Amino acid sequence: MEKILIVGCKKAMDDVCIGCSRCLVGFNRREGAFERYAGEPAELMGLLNCGDCPGATVVTRLAQVKLWNAPLSELPTAVHVAPCILDHCPHSQTLLAKIKAKAGIPVVEGTHPYLPANIFA
C-alpha cells in the first residue's frame, strides 16, 4: 500500500490554505497528481511543512517523520510537494532539490489541481 507524505509551505499551511483542505480533497478524490493512485490502496500518512524559509530544516523534518514512524511500521512510500511550494515559493527549486536528494523514495511534484485562475472574479 502506498503511504503518502505531503510537504507544503509553512507560511501557507493553515493561513492561506486553511487546513490544507485542497490537498486532502485532491487525495480523497484521486485528482491532480494523486490520479496515479486511482484504483489502488493508498493512505495519506501526513502533512509536513518545509520548516520555514528558506527550507533549511526540511531534510531534518523528513528524517524525523521516518524516525518517529519507524516503530509503528508506518513509513512513507512517496513524498508529494504541494503547489504552495512549487508555484509560490521563491525557494522552490532549492527545496525540491533537497527533498529529492535526501528522501530516498519517489518525490512527486504536485498534489491537487484546484488552483484558482482569478480569486477576485
Protein backbone atom coordinates (compact mmCIF):
# COMPACT_ATOMS: atom_id res chain seq x y z
CA MET A 1 0.00 0.00 0.00
CA GLU A 2 1.20 3.50 -0.83
CA LYS A 3 1.81 5.78 2.17
CA ILE A 4 1.81 9.41 1.07
CA LEU A 5 3.52 12.31 2.81
CA ILE A 6 2.73 15.85 1.63
CA VAL A 7 5.24 18.66 2.09
CA GLY A 8 3.86 22.19 1.96
CA CYS A 9 4.87 25.76 2.75
CA LYS A 10 4.90 26.69 6.43
CA LYS A 11 3.76 30.22 5.64
CA ALA A 12 0.76 28.98 3.62
CA MET A 13 -0.38 25.96 5.61
CA ASP A 14 -3.28 26.84 7.92
CA ASP A 15 -3.07 30.54 6.99
CA VAL A 16 -3.66 30.71 3.25
CA CYS A 17 -4.85 27.17 2.54
CA ILE A 18 -6.94 26.60 5.62
CA GLY A 19 -6.32 23.10 6.94
CA CYS A 20 -4.65 22.22 3.64
CA SER A 21 -8.11 21.09 2.59
CA ARG A 22 -7.40 21.20 -1.14
CA CYS A 23 -4.57 18.67 -0.80
CA LEU A 24 -6.83 16.41 1.28
CA VAL A 25 -9.76 16.70 -1.13
CA GLY A 26 -7.46 16.04 -4.09
CA PHE A 27 -6.11 12.93 -2.40
CA ASN A 28 -9.56 11.63 -1.43
CA ARG A 29 -10.88 12.19 -4.96
CA ARG A 30 -7.65 10.92 -6.56
CA GLU A 31 -7.43 14.09 -8.66
CA GLY A 32 -4.42 16.07 -9.81
CA ALA A 33 -1.10 14.41 -9.01
CA PHE A 34 -2.99 11.86 -6.92
CA GLU A 35 -4.58 10.32 -10.04
CA ARG A 36 -1.66 7.87 -10.05
CA TYR A 37 -3.25 6.13 -7.03
CA ALA A 38 -6.70 5.67 -8.58
CA GLY A 39 -7.95 2.15 -8.05
CA GLU A 40 -5.17 1.13 -5.69
CA PRO A 41 -4.87 1.25 -1.91
CA ALA A 42 -3.18 4.41 -0.68
CA GLU A 43 -3.22 6.33 2.57
CA LEU A 44 -2.28 9.87 3.40
CA MET A 45 0.34 9.50 6.10
CA GLY A 46 0.86 13.12 6.99
CA LEU A 47 1.21 16.77 6.12
CA LEU A 48 4.62 18.25 6.79
CA ASN A 49 5.65 21.85 6.41
CA CYS A 50 9.01 22.89 5.00
CA GLY A 51 10.28 24.32 8.29
CA ASP A 52 10.03 27.95 7.12
CA CYS A 53 12.11 29.96 4.66
CA PRO A 54 14.38 29.02 3.05
CA GLY A 55 13.53 25.42 3.94
CA ALA A 56 16.66 24.92 5.98
CA THR A 57 15.06 22.20 8.13
CA VAL A 58 13.07 20.28 5.51
CA VAL A 59 15.60 17.42 5.43
CA THR A 60 15.65 17.19 9.23
CA ARG A 61 11.86 17.17 9.28
CA LEU A 62 11.74 14.34 6.73
CA ALA A 63 14.20 12.36 8.86
CA GLN A 64 12.04 12.95 11.94
CA VAL A 65 9.00 11.55 10.14
CA LYS A 66 10.99 8.42 9.33
CA LEU A 67 12.38 8.05 12.87
CA TRP A 68 9.11 8.72 14.68
CA ASN A 69 7.06 6.39 12.48
CA ALA A 70 9.55 3.52 12.10
CA PRO A 71 8.49 1.86 15.39
CA LEU A 72 4.92 1.91 14.06
CA SER A 73 5.97 0.27 10.79
CA GLU A 74 4.49 3.29 9.03
CA LEU A 75 6.99 4.78 6.60
CA PRO A 76 6.13 6.95 3.61
CA THR A 77 6.50 5.43 0.17
CA ALA A 78 6.20 8.74 -1.71
CA VAL A 79 6.50 12.45 -1.00
CA HIS A 80 4.24 14.91 -2.78
CA VAL A 81 5.35 18.54 -2.88
CA ALA A 82 2.36 20.87 -2.73
CA PRO A 83 1.57 23.79 -5.06
CA CYS A 84 2.15 26.27 -2.23
CA ILE A 85 5.83 25.42 -2.63
CA LEU A 86 6.01 24.62 -6.33
CA ASP A 87 4.04 27.62 -7.60
CA HIS A 88 4.55 30.31 -4.97
CA CYS A 89 7.79 29.80 -3.07
CA PRO A 90 10.91 31.74 -4.07
CA HIS A 91 12.96 28.83 -2.69
CA SER A 92 11.03 26.10 -4.51
CA GLN A 93 13.89 24.78 -6.64
CA THR A 94 16.23 24.58 -3.65
CA LEU A 95 13.59 22.85 -1.54
CA LEU A 96 12.74 20.41 -4.31
CA ALA A 97 16.42 19.57 -4.85
CA LYS A 98 16.93 18.95 -1.12
CA ILE A 99 13.86 16.73 -0.86
CA LYS A 100 14.79 14.71 -3.96
CA ALA A 101 18.39 14.30 -2.78
CA LYS A 102 17.51 13.04 0.68
CA ALA A 103 14.03 11.47 0.63
CA GLY A 104 15.15 8.06 -0.62
CA ILE A 105 11.65 7.50 -2.04
CA PRO A 106 9.82 8.89 -5.08
CA VAL A 107 9.18 12.63 -4.94
CA VAL A 108 6.13 13.81 -6.89
CA GLU A 109 5.78 17.44 -7.89
CA GLY A 110 2.17 18.34 -7.17
CA THR A 111 -0.90 17.45 -5.20
CA HIS A 112 -4.31 18.97 -6.00
CA PRO A 113 -5.41 20.60 -9.28
CA TYR A 114 -7.58 23.29 -7.69
CA LEU A 115 -5.66 26.47 -8.45
CA PRO A 116 -7.97 29.47 -8.90
CA ALA A 117 -7.38 31.40 -12.11
CA ASN A 118 -8.52 34.65 -10.55
CA ILE A 119 -9.58 34.80 -6.91
CA PHE A 120 -11.17 38.23 -7.39
CA ALA A 121 -13.50 37.25 -10.28
